[in-house]
Every structure is written in structure tokens, then in C-alpha cells.
Amino acid sequence: MNRAGARAEDLCAELLRRAGLRILARNWHCRHGEIDLVAEDGGTLVFAEVRLRRNARYGGAAESVTRAKRQRLLAAARLYLAGRKEVACRFDVLLLDGAQQPSIEWIRDAFGD
């Protein structure tokens, strides 16, 4: 991971902590890819995807969460949950546009129906 990406994940992990979430894992890897942050929000398990775009040349951070990316995250989350007790889950997306002083847009339950 590059420095900007690591810094973006650090900023987002701190934002989640300040909001009362407990970070359980960072950069959890499996055969389907990686889950940036896994956190607990009360009784809910939160899978958080951090998306940074330094410029809008190829679209902003929100546009980078494609259908294929969502499918990989869902598959990775299923593996994370395998063998664990059943718990409520949600997928949050944290969007950062701009590299210098990025603002963070936190979309809770981004993949909810």
C-alpha cells in the first residue's frame, strides 16, 4: 500500500474510533481480496471500505466502488464470518477526495437495501 492510502486508512480508523466504534482488524486479507477495516459498532459488525482519489481524472472516490468491487467485498466478508457466531453486519464506505487535506464522507450501510 502506498503512503497516501495508508494515511487515508489511518484517518478513517481514527474517525471510526472517535465515533465509538472498536477496530477489530485492519487490512484483513483472503483469496477474494482485502477488507480495509473491520469494526464493531454496538452489536453490529462493520466492514469498512476506504476509497481515496487524489484527483478526479478517473472519477471520484465514490465512482471507484464498482459492482465488481462490491461483490469482492461481500465474498471476503462471508469468509470473515465463516465459523463465527451470527451477528448483524453492515458495509460502510469512507470516501476521501483530494490528497492534501481530504475531507471524509462516511456512508453508513452503503450496500443496504
N, C-alpha and C. Protein backbone atom coordinates (compact mmCIF):
# COMPACT_ATOMS: atom_id res chain seq x y z
N MET A 1 0.85 -1.18 0.00
CA MET A 1 0.00 0.00 0.00
C MET A 1 0.90 1.24 0.00
N ASN A 2 0.50 2.25 -0.74
CA ASN A 2 1.28 3.47 -0.77
C ASN A 2 1.02 4.34 0.46
N ARG A 3 1.84 5.34 0.61
CA ARG A 3 1.74 6.21 1.80
C ARG A 3 0.40 6.92 1.91
N ALA A 4 -0.08 7.43 0.78
CA ALA A 4 -1.37 8.15 0.80
C ALA A 4 -2.50 7.21 1.21
N GLY A 5 -2.47 5.99 0.70
CA GLY A 5 -3.50 5.02 1.06
C GLY A 5 -3.44 4.65 2.54
N ALA A 6 -2.23 4.46 3.04
CA ALA A 6 -2.06 4.13 4.47
C ALA A 6 -2.54 5.29 5.33
N ARG A 7 -2.22 6.50 4.93
CA ARG A 7 -2.66 7.69 5.69
C ARG A 7 -4.19 7.80 5.67
N ALA A 8 -4.80 7.52 4.52
CA ALA A 8 -6.25 7.57 4.41
C ALA A 8 -6.89 6.55 5.35
N GLU A 9 -6.34 5.34 5.40
CA GLU A 9 -6.87 4.32 6.30
C GLU A 9 -6.68 4.73 7.76
N ASP A 10 -5.54 5.33 8.08
CA ASP A 10 -5.31 5.82 9.45
C ASP A 10 -6.35 6.86 9.84
N LEU A 11 -6.60 7.81 8.94
CA LEU A 11 -7.60 8.86 9.21
C LEU A 11 -8.98 8.26 9.42
N CYS A 12 -9.33 7.29 8.59
CA CYS A 12 -10.66 6.68 8.70
C CYS A 12 -10.78 5.83 9.96
N ALA A 13 -9.73 5.10 10.31
CA ALA A 13 -9.77 4.31 11.54
C ALA A 13 -9.94 5.23 12.75
N GLU A 14 -9.26 6.35 12.73
CA GLU A 14 -9.40 7.31 13.85
C GLU A 14 -10.81 7.90 13.89
N LEU A 15 -11.38 8.21 12.73
CA LEU A 15 -12.75 8.71 12.67
C LEU A 15 -13.72 7.70 13.27
N LEU A 16 -13.56 6.44 12.91
CA LEU A 16 -14.44 5.40 13.45
C LEU A 16 -14.27 5.28 14.96
N ARG A 17 -13.03 5.30 15.43
CA ARG A 17 -12.78 5.23 16.88
C ARG A 17 -13.45 6.39 17.62
N ARG A 18 -13.28 7.60 17.09
CA ARG A 18 -13.88 8.78 17.73
C ARG A 18 -15.40 8.69 17.76
N ALA A 19 -15.97 7.97 16.80
CA ALA A 19 -17.42 7.80 16.74
C ALA A 19 -17.89 6.66 17.63
N GLY A 20 -16.96 6.01 18.33
CA GLY A 20 -17.33 4.97 19.27
C GLY A 20 -17.21 3.54 18.76
N LEU A 21 -16.73 3.35 17.54
CA LEU A 21 -16.55 2.00 17.02
C LEU A 21 -15.23 1.43 17.53
N ARG A 22 -15.19 0.13 17.65
CA ARG A 22 -13.96 -0.55 18.08
C ARG A 22 -13.37 -1.25 16.86
N ILE A 23 -12.13 -0.93 16.53
CA ILE A 23 -11.46 -1.55 15.37
C ILE A 23 -11.04 -2.96 15.76
N LEU A 24 -11.49 -3.94 14.96
CA LEU A 24 -11.15 -5.34 15.21
C LEU A 24 -10.03 -5.84 14.32
N ALA A 25 -9.97 -5.32 13.09
CA ALA A 25 -8.94 -5.75 12.14
C ALA A 25 -8.70 -4.65 11.12
N ARG A 26 -7.47 -4.63 10.62
CA ARG A 26 -7.10 -3.72 9.53
C ARG A 26 -6.46 -4.53 8.43
N ASN A 27 -6.84 -4.25 7.20
CA ASN A 27 -6.27 -4.92 6.03
C ASN A 27 -6.38 -6.44 6.14
N TRP A 28 -7.59 -6.91 6.41
CA TRP A 28 -7.82 -8.35 6.52
C TRP A 28 -7.83 -8.95 5.11
N HIS A 29 -6.94 -9.91 4.86
CA HIS A 29 -6.76 -10.49 3.53
C HIS A 29 -7.37 -11.89 3.44
N CYS A 30 -7.88 -12.20 2.26
CA CYS A 30 -8.33 -13.55 1.94
C CYS A 30 -8.21 -13.71 0.42
N ARG A 31 -8.64 -14.85 -0.06
CA ARG A 31 -8.48 -15.10 -1.51
C ARG A 31 -9.32 -14.17 -2.37
N HIS A 32 -10.34 -13.53 -1.80
CA HIS A 32 -11.20 -12.63 -2.57
C HIS A 32 -10.69 -11.19 -2.56
N GLY A 33 -9.71 -10.90 -1.74
CA GLY A 33 -9.19 -9.54 -1.67
C GLY A 33 -8.94 -9.12 -0.23
N GLU A 34 -9.24 -7.86 0.03
CA GLU A 34 -8.92 -7.29 1.33
C GLU A 34 -10.11 -6.47 1.85
N ILE A 35 -10.30 -6.56 3.15
CA ILE A 35 -11.26 -5.67 3.81
C ILE A 35 -10.41 -4.66 4.57
N ASP A 36 -10.57 -3.38 4.26
CA ASP A 36 -9.72 -2.34 4.84
C ASP A 36 -9.83 -2.29 6.36
N LEU A 37 -11.05 -2.16 6.86
CA LEU A 37 -11.26 -2.06 8.30
C LEU A 37 -12.46 -2.92 8.70
N VAL A 38 -12.29 -3.65 9.78
CA VAL A 38 -13.40 -4.38 10.38
C VAL A 38 -13.57 -3.79 11.77
N ALA A 39 -14.78 -3.37 12.07
CA ALA A 39 -15.03 -2.71 13.35
C ALA A 39 -16.32 -3.23 13.97
N GLU A 40 -16.50 -2.89 15.23
CA GLU A 40 -17.73 -3.24 15.92
C GLU A 40 -18.42 -1.95 16.36
N ASP A 41 -19.69 -1.85 16.02
CA ASP A 41 -20.50 -0.68 16.38
C ASP A 41 -21.68 -1.19 17.21
N GLY A 42 -21.50 -1.19 18.52
CA GLY A 42 -22.51 -1.81 19.37
C GLY A 42 -22.50 -3.30 19.11
N GLY A 43 -23.62 -3.84 18.69
CA GLY A 43 -23.68 -5.26 18.36
C GLY A 43 -23.55 -5.54 16.88
N THR A 44 -23.18 -4.56 16.10
CA THR A 44 -23.10 -4.70 14.65
C THR A 44 -21.65 -4.77 14.20
N LEU A 45 -21.36 -5.74 13.34
CA LEU A 45 -20.04 -5.86 12.74
C LEU A 45 -20.01 -4.98 11.48
N VAL A 46 -19.01 -4.13 11.38
CA VAL A 46 -18.92 -3.17 10.28
C VAL A 46 -17.71 -3.51 9.41
N PHE A 47 -17.97 -3.74 8.13
CA PHE A 47 -16.91 -3.90 7.15
C PHE A 47 -16.77 -2.56 6.44
N ALA A 48 -15.63 -1.92 6.59
CA ALA A 48 -15.46 -0.57 6.06
C ALA A 48 -14.46 -0.56 4.91
N GLU A 49 -14.86 0.01 3.82
CA GLU A 49 -14.02 0.17 2.64
C GLU A 49 -13.59 1.63 2.55
N VAL A 50 -12.29 1.85 2.47
CA VAL A 50 -11.72 3.19 2.36
C VAL A 50 -11.34 3.43 0.91
N ARG A 51 -11.85 4.50 0.33
CA ARG A 51 -11.56 4.82 -1.07
C ARG A 51 -10.99 6.23 -1.15
N LEU A 52 -9.79 6.34 -1.67
CA LEU A 52 -9.11 7.62 -1.83
C LEU A 52 -8.89 7.89 -3.31
N ARG A 53 -9.22 9.07 -3.73
CA ARG A 53 -8.90 9.53 -5.08
C ARG A 53 -8.19 10.87 -4.94
N ARG A 54 -6.96 10.92 -5.43
CA ARG A 54 -6.16 12.15 -5.33
C ARG A 54 -6.63 13.20 -6.33
N ASN A 55 -7.18 12.74 -7.45
CA ASN A 55 -7.77 13.68 -8.41
C ASN A 55 -8.93 12.99 -9.09
N ALA A 56 -9.72 13.76 -9.80
CA ALA A 56 -10.95 13.24 -10.40
C ALA A 56 -10.77 12.78 -11.85
N ARG A 57 -9.54 12.61 -12.28
CA ARG A 57 -9.28 12.23 -13.67
C ARG A 57 -10.04 10.97 -14.07
N TYR A 58 -10.10 9.99 -13.18
CA TYR A 58 -10.80 8.73 -13.49
C TYR A 58 -12.08 8.60 -12.67
N GLY A 59 -12.62 9.71 -12.23
CA GLY A 59 -13.81 9.70 -11.39
C GLY A 59 -13.42 9.87 -9.94
N GLY A 60 -14.37 10.23 -9.12
CA GLY A 60 -14.10 10.43 -7.70
C GLY A 60 -14.07 9.13 -6.94
N ALA A 61 -13.89 9.23 -5.64
CA ALA A 61 -13.80 8.06 -4.78
C ALA A 61 -15.07 7.22 -4.85
N ALA A 62 -16.23 7.86 -4.88
CA ALA A 62 -17.49 7.12 -4.91
C ALA A 62 -17.61 6.26 -6.17
N GLU A 63 -17.16 6.78 -7.30
CA GLU A 63 -17.24 6.02 -8.55
C GLU A 63 -16.33 4.81 -8.56
N SER A 64 -15.36 4.78 -7.66
CA SER A 64 -14.43 3.65 -7.64
C SER A 64 -14.99 2.42 -6.91
N VAL A 65 -16.16 2.56 -6.31
CA VAL A 65 -16.80 1.42 -5.66
C VAL A 65 -17.76 0.80 -6.68
N THR A 66 -17.19 -0.01 -7.53
CA THR A 66 -17.94 -0.61 -8.63
C THR A 66 -18.72 -1.83 -8.17
N ARG A 67 -19.55 -2.32 -9.03
CA ARG A 67 -20.31 -3.55 -8.73
C ARG A 67 -19.36 -4.71 -8.45
N ALA A 68 -18.30 -4.82 -9.25
CA ALA A 68 -17.31 -5.89 -9.05
C ALA A 68 -16.62 -5.75 -7.69
N LYS A 69 -16.30 -4.53 -7.31
CA LYS A 69 -15.68 -4.29 -6.00
C LYS A 69 -16.63 -4.70 -4.89
N ARG A 70 -17.88 -4.34 -5.01
CA ARG A 70 -18.88 -4.73 -4.01
C ARG A 70 -18.97 -6.24 -3.88
N GLN A 71 -18.97 -6.95 -5.01
CA GLN A 71 -19.05 -8.41 -4.98
C GLN A 71 -17.83 -9.02 -4.29
N ARG A 72 -16.65 -8.47 -4.53
CA ARG A 72 -15.44 -8.97 -3.86
C ARG A 72 -15.52 -8.72 -2.36
N LEU A 73 -16.01 -7.55 -1.96
CA LEU A 73 -16.15 -7.25 -0.53
C LEU A 73 -17.15 -8.18 0.14
N LEU A 74 -18.26 -8.44 -0.52
CA LEU A 74 -19.26 -9.36 0.03
C LEU A 74 -18.68 -10.76 0.19
N ALA A 75 -17.93 -11.23 -0.81
CA ALA A 75 -17.33 -12.56 -0.73
C ALA A 75 -16.29 -12.62 0.40
N ALA A 76 -15.49 -11.56 0.53
CA ALA A 76 -14.49 -11.52 1.61
C ALA A 76 -15.17 -11.50 2.97
N ALA A 77 -16.25 -10.76 3.09
CA ALA A 77 -16.98 -10.69 4.36
C ALA A 77 -17.56 -12.05 4.73
N ARG A 78 -18.06 -12.78 3.74
CA ARG A 78 -18.58 -14.12 4.01
C ARG A 78 -17.49 -15.01 4.60
N LEU A 79 -16.29 -14.92 4.04
CA LEU A 79 -15.17 -15.71 4.58
C LEU A 79 -14.81 -15.25 5.99
N TYR A 80 -14.81 -13.95 6.22
CA TYR A 80 -14.51 -13.43 7.56
C TYR A 80 -15.51 -13.99 8.57
N LEU A 81 -16.76 -14.07 8.18
CA LEU A 81 -17.82 -14.51 9.08
C LEU A 81 -17.89 -16.03 9.26
N ALA A 82 -17.27 -16.77 8.36
CA ALA A 82 -17.33 -18.24 8.41
C ALA A 82 -16.82 -18.74 9.76
N GLY A 83 -17.62 -19.56 10.40
CA GLY A 83 -17.21 -20.14 11.68
C GLY A 83 -17.41 -19.24 12.89
N ARG A 84 -17.91 -18.03 12.67
CA ARG A 84 -18.18 -17.13 13.79
C ARG A 84 -19.67 -17.15 14.11
N LYS A 85 -20.02 -16.73 15.29
CA LYS A 85 -21.43 -16.68 15.64
C LYS A 85 -22.13 -15.64 14.76
N GLU A 86 -23.41 -15.87 14.56
CA GLU A 86 -24.19 -14.96 13.71
C GLU A 86 -24.32 -13.60 14.38
N VAL A 87 -24.11 -12.56 13.61
CA VAL A 87 -24.15 -11.19 14.13
C VAL A 87 -24.65 -10.27 13.02
N ALA A 88 -25.29 -9.19 13.42
CA ALA A 88 -25.72 -8.18 12.44
C ALA A 88 -24.49 -7.55 11.80
N CYS A 89 -24.58 -7.29 10.51
CA CYS A 89 -23.44 -6.72 9.77
C CYS A 89 -23.92 -5.57 8.90
N ARG A 90 -22.96 -4.71 8.55
CA ARG A 90 -23.22 -3.68 7.55
C ARG A 90 -21.91 -3.34 6.85
N PHE A 91 -22.04 -2.73 5.69
CA PHE A 91 -20.89 -2.27 4.92
C PHE A 91 -20.91 -0.75 4.88
N ASP A 92 -19.85 -0.16 5.37
CA ASP A 92 -19.69 1.29 5.31
C ASP A 92 -18.62 1.61 4.29
N VAL A 93 -18.75 2.74 3.65
CA VAL A 93 -17.73 3.23 2.71
C VAL A 93 -17.29 4.60 3.19
N LEU A 94 -15.98 4.78 3.24
CA LEU A 94 -15.41 6.07 3.63
C LEU A 94 -14.69 6.63 2.41
N LEU A 95 -15.17 7.77 1.93
CA LEU A 95 -14.67 8.37 0.69
C LEU A 95 -13.81 9.57 1.00
N LEU A 96 -12.63 9.60 0.40
CA LEU A 96 -11.73 10.73 0.53
C LEU A 96 -11.35 11.20 -0.87
N ASP A 97 -11.66 12.44 -1.16
CA ASP A 97 -11.27 13.03 -2.44
C ASP A 97 -10.25 14.12 -2.17
N GLY A 98 -9.13 14.05 -2.85
CA GLY A 98 -8.05 15.02 -2.65
C GLY A 98 -7.00 14.46 -1.71
N ALA A 99 -5.74 14.70 -2.00
CA ALA A 99 -4.66 14.10 -1.23
C ALA A 99 -4.17 14.97 -0.08
N GLN A 100 -4.20 16.27 -0.21
CA GLN A 100 -3.58 17.14 0.79
C GLN A 100 -4.39 17.20 2.09
N GLN A 101 -5.56 17.76 2.04
CA GLN A 101 -6.44 17.88 3.21
C GLN A 101 -7.78 17.23 2.86
N PRO A 102 -7.79 15.91 2.75
CA PRO A 102 -9.03 15.28 2.30
C PRO A 102 -10.14 15.37 3.35
N SER A 103 -11.33 15.63 2.86
CA SER A 103 -12.49 15.52 3.75
C SER A 103 -12.98 14.08 3.61
N ILE A 104 -13.60 13.59 4.66
CA ILE A 104 -14.06 12.21 4.66
C ILE A 104 -15.58 12.20 4.63
N GLU A 105 -16.13 11.51 3.65
CA GLU A 105 -17.57 11.28 3.60
C GLU A 105 -17.81 9.84 4.05
N TRP A 106 -18.53 9.67 5.12
CA TRP A 106 -18.78 8.34 5.69
C TRP A 106 -20.20 7.92 5.33
N ILE A 107 -20.31 6.90 4.51
CA ILE A 107 -21.61 6.38 4.11
C ILE A 107 -21.86 5.09 4.88
N ARG A 108 -22.75 5.17 5.85
CA ARG A 108 -23.09 4.00 6.66
C ARG A 108 -24.08 3.13 5.90
N ASP A 109 -23.91 1.83 6.02
CA ASP A 109 -24.78 0.86 5.38
C ASP A 109 -24.89 1.14 3.88
N ALA A 110 -23.74 1.33 3.27
CA ALA A 110 -23.67 1.73 1.86
C ALA A 110 -24.26 0.71 0.91
N PHE A 111 -24.28 -0.56 1.29
CA PHE A 111 -24.78 -1.60 0.40
C PHE A 111 -26.15 -2.09 0.84
N GLY A 112 -26.76 -1.41 1.80
CA GLY A 112 -28.07 -1.83 2.33
C GLY A 112 -29.15 -1.69 1.27
N ASP A 113 -30.20 -2.42 1.49
CA ASP A 113 -31.32 -2.38 0.53
C ASP A 113 -32.26 -1.25 0.83
